[in-house]
């Protein structure tokens, strides 16, 4: 429904594993598929997820799109 609307939107899908941890500032962004690490895990800290959301709010790169995050 969002993709066919005339509204500006961004949909954030966090990694499959999201938990409190360290803010590293080092993460990768992706689209519709989970971002996996070298071990095949989709994970991110709450702190780094917050950084990604603030970054997107300040400098939108995923308008009219979904994005995800992971290490």
PDB file of N, CA and C in Angstrom:
ATOM      1  N   UNK A   1       0.814  -1.176   0.000  1.00  0.00           N
ATOM      2  CA  UNK A   1       0.000   0.000   0.000  1.00  0.00           C
ATOM      3  C   UNK A   1       0.876   1.266   0.000  1.00  0.00           C
ATOM      4  N   UNK A   2       1.938   1.272   0.807  1.00  0.00           N
ATOM      5  CA  UNK A   2       2.805   2.448   0.846  1.00  0.00           C
ATOM      6  C   UNK A   2       3.447   2.729  -0.507  1.00  0.00           C
ATOM      7  N   UNK A   3       3.888   1.682  -1.181  1.00  0.00           N
ATOM      8  CA  UNK A   3       4.597   1.869  -2.450  1.00  0.00           C
ATOM      9  C   UNK A   3       3.725   2.507  -3.523  1.00  0.00           C
ATOM     10  N   UNK A   4       2.438   2.360  -3.422  1.00  0.00           N
ATOM     11  CA  UNK A   4       1.552   2.944  -4.431  1.00  0.00           C
ATOM     12  C   UNK A   4       0.908   4.241  -3.960  1.00  0.00           C
ATOM     13  N   UNK A   5       1.205   4.677  -2.755  1.00  0.00           N
ATOM     14  CA  UNK A   5       0.612   5.913  -2.242  1.00  0.00           C
ATOM     15  C   UNK A   5       1.415   7.118  -2.730  1.00  0.00           C
ATOM     16  N   UNK A   6       0.843   8.300  -2.556  1.00  0.00           N
ATOM     17  CA  UNK A   6       1.555   9.527  -2.906  1.00  0.00           C
ATOM     18  C   UNK A   6       2.187  10.174  -1.675  1.00  0.00           C
ATOM     19  N   UNK A   7       2.305   9.427  -0.594  1.00  0.00           N
ATOM     20  CA  UNK A   7       2.929   9.906   0.650  1.00  0.00           C
ATOM     21  C   UNK A   7       4.429   9.643   0.629  1.00  0.00           C
ATOM     22  N   UNK A   8       5.176  10.492   1.307  1.00  0.00           N
ATOM     23  CA  UNK A   8       6.606  10.226   1.496  1.00  0.00           C
ATOM     24  C   UNK A   8       6.753   9.295   2.684  1.00  0.00           C
ATOM     25  N   UNK A   9       7.471   8.223   2.514  1.00  0.00           N
ATOM     26  CA  UNK A   9       7.620   7.240   3.580  1.00  0.00           C
ATOM     27  C   UNK A   9       8.994   6.585   3.488  1.00  0.00           C
ATOM     28  N   UNK A  10       9.417   6.047   4.594  1.00  0.00           N
ATOM     29  CA  UNK A  10      10.610   5.208   4.697  1.00  0.00           C
ATOM     30  C   UNK A  10      10.270   4.126   5.705  1.00  0.00           C
ATOM     31  N   UNK A  11      10.628   2.886   5.384  1.00  0.00           N
ATOM     32  CA  UNK A  11      10.315   1.763   6.268  1.00  0.00           C
ATOM     33  C   UNK A  11      11.631   1.155   6.731  1.00  0.00           C
ATOM     34  N   UNK A  12      11.851   1.144   8.045  1.00  0.00           N
ATOM     35  CA  UNK A  12      13.083   0.605   8.630  1.00  0.00           C
ATOM     36  C   UNK A  12      12.826  -0.785   9.187  1.00  0.00           C
ATOM     37  N   UNK A  13      13.604  -1.739   8.731  1.00  0.00           N
ATOM     38  CA  UNK A  13      13.543  -3.109   9.254  1.00  0.00           C
ATOM     39  C   UNK A  13      14.862  -3.393   9.958  1.00  0.00           C
ATOM     40  N   UNK A  14      14.871  -3.487  11.268  1.00  0.00           N
ATOM     41  CA  UNK A  14      16.126  -3.780  11.952  1.00  0.00           C
ATOM     42  C   UNK A  14      16.588  -5.198  11.655  1.00  0.00           C
ATOM     43  N   UNK A  15      17.781  -5.512  12.059  1.00  0.00           N
ATOM     44  CA  UNK A  15      18.327  -6.857  11.895  1.00  0.00           C
ATOM     45  C   UNK A  15      17.463  -7.862  12.655  1.00  0.00           C
ATOM     46  N   UNK A  16      17.600  -9.127  12.302  1.00  0.00           N
ATOM     47  CA  UNK A  16      16.826 -10.178  12.968  1.00  0.00           C
ATOM     48  C   UNK A  16      17.141 -10.247  14.454  1.00  0.00           C
ATOM     49  N   UNK A  17      18.401 -10.020  14.812  1.00  0.00           N
ATOM     50  CA  UNK A  17      18.810  -9.978  16.225  1.00  0.00           C
ATOM     51  C   UNK A  17      19.151  -8.536  16.568  1.00  0.00           C
ATOM     52  N   UNK A  18      18.355  -7.930  17.432  1.00  0.00           N
ATOM     53  CA  UNK A  18      18.633  -6.562  17.876  1.00  0.00           C
ATOM     54  C   UNK A  18      18.591  -6.560  19.397  1.00  0.00           C
ATOM     55  N   UNK A  19      19.661  -6.062  20.012  1.00  0.00           N
ATOM     56  CA  UNK A  19      19.772  -6.101  21.466  1.00  0.00           C
ATOM     57  C   UNK A  19      20.683  -4.964  21.934  1.00  0.00           C
ATOM     58  N   UNK A  20      20.564  -4.571  23.197  1.00  0.00           N
ATOM     59  CA  UNK A  20      21.496  -3.580  23.730  1.00  0.00           C
ATOM     60  C   UNK A  20      22.932  -4.061  23.558  1.00  0.00           C
ATOM     61  N   UNK A  21      23.806  -3.121  23.319  1.00  0.00           N
ATOM     62  CA  UNK A  21      25.213  -3.468  23.135  1.00  0.00           C
ATOM     63  C   UNK A  21      26.046  -2.225  22.962  1.00  0.00           C
ATOM     64  N   UNK A  22      27.101  -2.338  22.208  1.00  0.00           N
ATOM     65  CA  UNK A  22      28.043  -1.247  22.004  1.00  0.00           C
ATOM     66  C   UNK A  22      27.667  -0.436  20.774  1.00  0.00           C
ATOM     67  N   UNK A  23      27.830   0.871  20.875  1.00  0.00           N
ATOM     68  CA  UNK A  23      27.668   1.737  19.701  1.00  0.00           C
ATOM     69  C   UNK A  23      29.003   1.767  18.972  1.00  0.00           C
ATOM     70  N   UNK A  24      29.035   1.170  17.802  1.00  0.00           N
ATOM     71  CA  UNK A  24      30.281   1.111  17.037  1.00  0.00           C
ATOM     72  C   UNK A  24      30.322   2.157  15.942  1.00  0.00           C
ATOM     73  N   UNK A  25      29.156   2.521  15.409  1.00  0.00           N
ATOM     74  CA  UNK A  25      29.126   3.444  14.280  1.00  0.00           C
ATOM     75  C   UNK A  25      29.555   2.777  12.985  1.00  0.00           C
ATOM     76  N   UNK A  26      29.804   1.479  13.047  1.00  0.00           N
ATOM     77  CA  UNK A  26      30.256   0.722  11.877  1.00  0.00           C
ATOM     78  C   UNK A  26      29.224  -0.362  11.586  1.00  0.00           C
ATOM     79  N   UNK A  27      28.447  -0.146  10.562  1.00  0.00           N
ATOM     80  CA  UNK A  27      27.402  -1.096  10.180  1.00  0.00           C
ATOM     81  C   UNK A  27      27.168  -0.959   8.684  1.00  0.00           C
ATOM     82  N   UNK A  28      26.416  -1.885   8.146  1.00  0.00           N
ATOM     83  CA  UNK A  28      26.084  -1.856   6.723  1.00  0.00           C
ATOM     84  C   UNK A  28      24.583  -1.700   6.556  1.00  0.00           C
ATOM     85  N   UNK A  29      24.209  -1.007   5.515  1.00  0.00           N
ATOM     86  CA  UNK A  29      22.804  -0.805   5.198  1.00  0.00           C
ATOM     87  C   UNK A  29      22.424  -1.684   4.017  1.00  0.00           C
ATOM     88  N   UNK A  30      21.178  -2.101   3.987  1.00  0.00           N
ATOM     89  CA  UNK A  30      20.682  -2.909   2.889  1.00  0.00           C
ATOM     90  C   UNK A  30      19.263  -2.520   2.532  1.00  0.00           C
ATOM     91  N   UNK A  31      18.703  -3.230   1.587  1.00  0.00           N
ATOM     92  CA  UNK A  31      17.348  -2.954   1.121  1.00  0.00           C
ATOM     93  C   UNK A  31      16.339  -3.919   1.711  1.00  0.00           C
ATOM     94  N   UNK A  32      15.735  -4.728   0.850  1.00  0.00           N
ATOM     95  CA  UNK A  32      14.674  -5.625   1.286  1.00  0.00           C
ATOM     96  C   UNK A  32      15.170  -6.908   1.939  1.00  0.00           C
ATOM     97  N   UNK A  33      16.422  -7.246   1.773  1.00  0.00           N
ATOM     98  CA  UNK A  33      16.979  -8.483   2.329  1.00  0.00           C
ATOM     99  C   UNK A  33      17.792  -8.184   3.584  1.00  0.00           C
ATOM    100  N   UNK A  34      17.827  -9.094   4.552  1.00  0.00           N
ATOM    101  CA  UNK A  34      18.642  -8.869   5.762  1.00  0.00           C
ATOM    102  C   UNK A  34      20.120  -8.723   5.426  1.00  0.00           C
ATOM    103  N   UNK A  35      20.791  -7.892   6.187  1.00  0.00           N
ATOM    104  CA  UNK A  35      22.246  -7.748   6.071  1.00  0.00           C
ATOM    105  C   UNK A  35      22.863  -8.799   6.983  1.00  0.00           C
ATOM    106  N   UNK A  36      23.686  -9.661   6.410  1.00  0.00           N
ATOM    107  CA  UNK A  36      24.279 -10.763   7.164  1.00  0.00           C
ATOM    108  C   UNK A  36      25.764 -10.515   7.399  1.00  0.00           C
ATOM    109  N   UNK A  37      26.260 -10.961   8.560  1.00  0.00           N
ATOM    110  CA  UNK A  37      27.696 -10.864   8.838  1.00  0.00           C
ATOM    111  C   UNK A  37      28.403 -12.095   8.259  1.00  0.00           C
ATOM    112  N   UNK A  38      29.692 -12.218   8.510  1.00  0.00           N
ATOM    113  CA  UNK A  38      30.495 -13.313   7.963  1.00  0.00           C
ATOM    114  C   UNK A  38      30.011 -14.684   8.426  1.00  0.00           C
ATOM    115  N   UNK A  39      29.324 -14.721   9.574  1.00  0.00           N
ATOM    116  CA  UNK A  39      28.804 -15.983  10.103  1.00  0.00           C
ATOM    117  C   UNK A  39      27.366 -16.259   9.662  1.00  0.00           C
ATOM    118  N   UNK A  40      26.820 -15.404   8.810  1.00  0.00           N
ATOM    119  CA  UNK A  40      25.464 -15.590   8.329  1.00  0.00           C
ATOM    120  C   UNK A  40      24.387 -15.097   9.275  1.00  0.00           C
ATOM    121  N   UNK A  41      24.776 -14.294  10.264  1.00  0.00           N
ATOM    122  CA  UNK A  41      23.818 -13.768  11.240  1.00  0.00           C
ATOM    123  C   UNK A  41      23.404 -12.352  10.864  1.00  0.00           C
ATOM    124  N   UNK A  42      22.161 -12.038  11.113  1.00  0.00           N
ATOM    125  CA  UNK A  42      21.629 -10.699  10.917  1.00  0.00           C
ATOM    126  C   UNK A  42      21.487 -10.091  12.307  1.00  0.00           C
ATOM    127  N   UNK A  43      22.419  -9.202  12.669  1.00  0.00           N
ATOM    128  CA  UNK A  43      22.413  -8.677  14.032  1.00  0.00           C
ATOM    129  C   UNK A  43      22.859  -7.223  14.058  1.00  0.00           C
ATOM    130  N   UNK A  44      22.415  -6.505  15.085  1.00  0.00           N
ATOM    131  CA  UNK A  44      22.785  -5.101  15.277  1.00  0.00           C
ATOM    132  C   UNK A  44      22.508  -4.731  16.728  1.00  0.00           C
ATOM    133  N   UNK A  45      23.241  -3.776  17.244  1.00  0.00           N
ATOM    134  CA  UNK A  45      22.949  -3.275  18.593  1.00  0.00           C
ATOM    135  C   UNK A  45      21.865  -2.201  18.489  1.00  0.00           C
ATOM    136  N   UNK A  46      21.122  -2.039  19.559  1.00  0.00           N
ATOM    137  CA  UNK A  46      20.105  -0.995  19.610  1.00  0.00           C
ATOM    138  C   UNK A  46      20.755   0.362  19.373  1.00  0.00           C
ATOM    139  N   UNK A  47      21.942   0.544  19.914  1.00  0.00           N
ATOM    140  CA  UNK A  47      22.645   1.819  19.794  1.00  0.00           C
ATOM    141  C   UNK A  47      22.977   2.134  18.339  1.00  0.00           C
ATOM    142  N   UNK A  48      23.470   1.148  17.586  1.00  0.00           N
ATOM    143  CA  UNK A  48      23.788   1.394  16.177  1.00  0.00           C
ATOM    144  C   UNK A  48      22.524   1.537  15.335  1.00  0.00           C
ATOM    145  N   UNK A  49      21.466   0.835  15.692  1.00  0.00           N
ATOM    146  CA  UNK A  49      20.189   1.012  14.991  1.00  0.00           C
ATOM    147  C   UNK A  49      19.686   2.441  15.163  1.00  0.00           C
ATOM    148  N   UNK A  50      19.837   2.983  16.367  1.00  0.00           N
ATOM    149  CA  UNK A  50      19.431   4.368  16.625  1.00  0.00           C
ATOM    150  C   UNK A  50      20.233   5.339  15.773  1.00  0.00           C
ATOM    151  N   UNK A  51      21.533   5.098  15.648  1.00  0.00           N
ATOM    152  CA  UNK A  51      22.381   5.951  14.808  1.00  0.00           C
ATOM    153  C   UNK A  51      21.886   5.923  13.359  1.00  0.00           C
ATOM    154  N   UNK A  52      21.568   4.742  12.856  1.00  0.00           N
ATOM    155  CA  UNK A  52      21.086   4.615  11.476  1.00  0.00           C
ATOM    156  C   UNK A  52      19.775   5.377  11.275  1.00  0.00           C
ATOM    157  N   UNK A  53      18.873   5.292  12.255  1.00  0.00           N
ATOM    158  CA  UNK A  53      17.605   6.009  12.144  1.00  0.00           C
ATOM    159  C   UNK A  53      17.798   7.522  12.158  1.00  0.00           C
ATOM    160  N   UNK A  54      18.659   8.001  13.035  1.00  0.00           N
ATOM    161  CA  UNK A  54      18.950   9.443  13.087  1.00  0.00           C
ATOM    162  C   UNK A  54      19.610   9.892  11.792  1.00  0.00           C
ATOM    163  N   UNK A  55      20.559   9.111  11.290  1.00  0.00           N
ATOM    164  CA  UNK A  55      21.207   9.438  10.012  1.00  0.00           C
ATOM    165  C   UNK A  55      20.175   9.570   8.898  1.00  0.00           C
ATOM    166  N   UNK A  56      19.236   8.634   8.836  1.00  0.00           N
ATOM    167  CA  UNK A  56      18.198   8.666   7.796  1.00  0.00           C
ATOM    168  C   UNK A  56      17.284   9.868   7.966  1.00  0.00           C
ATOM    169  N   UNK A  57      16.971  10.234   9.194  1.00  0.00           N
ATOM    170  CA  UNK A  57      16.120  11.402   9.432  1.00  0.00           C
ATOM    171  C   UNK A  57      16.825  12.697   9.011  1.00  0.00           C
ATOM    172  N   UNK A  58      18.127  12.765   9.269  1.00  0.00           N
ATOM    173  CA  UNK A  58      18.882  13.975   8.948  1.00  0.00           C
ATOM    174  C   UNK A  58      19.251  14.079   7.469  1.00  0.00           C
ATOM    175  N   UNK A  59      19.543  12.952   6.834  1.00  0.00           N
ATOM    176  CA  UNK A  59      19.940  12.932   5.426  1.00  0.00           C
ATOM    177  C   UNK A  59      19.256  11.745   4.752  1.00  0.00           C
ATOM    178  N   UNK A  60      18.024  11.927   4.342  1.00  0.00           N
ATOM    179  CA  UNK A  60      17.247  10.813   3.787  1.00  0.00           C
ATOM    180  C   UNK A  60      17.880  10.212   2.524  1.00  0.00           C
ATOM    181  N   UNK A  61      18.064   8.903   2.560  1.00  0.00           N
ATOM    182  CA  UNK A  61      18.577   8.173   1.392  1.00  0.00           C
ATOM    183  C   UNK A  61      17.608   7.089   0.952  1.00  0.00           C
ATOM    184  N   UNK A  62      16.600   6.817   1.750  1.00  0.00           N
ATOM    185  CA  UNK A  62      15.686   5.711   1.474  1.00  0.00           C
ATOM    186  C   UNK A  62      14.227   6.175   1.395  1.00  0.00           C
ATOM    187  N   UNK A  63      13.995   7.316   0.787  1.00  0.00           N
ATOM    188  CA  UNK A  63      12.637   7.821   0.636  1.00  0.00           C
ATOM    189  C   UNK A  63      11.903   6.922  -0.361  1.00  0.00           C
ATOM    190  N   UNK A  64      10.687   6.539   0.016  1.00  0.00           N
ATOM    191  CA  UNK A  64       9.857   5.645  -0.794  1.00  0.00           C
ATOM    192  C   UNK A  64      10.457   4.241  -0.873  1.00  0.00           C
ATOM    193  N   UNK A  65      11.282   3.879   0.100  1.00  0.00           N
ATOM    194  CA  UNK A  65      11.939   2.570   0.096  1.00  0.00           C
ATOM    195  C   UNK A  65      12.052   2.025   1.510  1.00  0.00           C
ATOM    196  N   UNK A  66      12.282   0.751   1.586  1.00  0.00           N
ATOM    197  CA  UNK A  66      12.561   0.048   2.833  1.00  0.00           C
ATOM    198  C   UNK A  66      14.074  -0.103   2.959  1.00  0.00           C
ATOM    199  N   UNK A  67      14.580  -0.043   4.197  1.00  0.00           N
ATOM    200  CA  UNK A  67      15.989  -0.331   4.404  1.00  0.00           C
ATOM    201  C   UNK A  67      16.183  -1.122   5.687  1.00  0.00           C
ATOM    202  N   UNK A  68      17.300  -1.783   5.748  1.00  0.00           N
ATOM    203  CA  UNK A  68      17.662  -2.575   6.921  1.00  0.00           C
ATOM    204  C   UNK A  68      19.109  -2.271   7.290  1.00  0.00           C
ATOM    205  N   UNK A  69      19.552  -2.849   8.376  1.00  0.00           N
ATOM    206  CA  UNK A  69      20.885  -2.575   8.904  1.00  0.00           C
ATOM    207  C   UNK A  69      21.444  -3.857   9.513  1.00  0.00           C
ATOM    208  N   UNK A  70      22.731  -3.976   9.521  1.00  0.00           N
ATOM    209  CA  UNK A  70      23.391  -5.124  10.161  1.00  0.00           C
ATOM    210  C   UNK A  70      24.895  -4.953  10.122  1.00  0.00           C
ATOM    211  N   UNK A  71      25.571  -5.838  10.822  1.00  0.00           N
ATOM    212  CA  UNK A  71      27.040  -5.808  10.832  1.00  0.00           C
ATOM    213  C   UNK A  71      27.597  -6.637   9.706  1.00  0.00           C
TER     214      UNK A  71
END
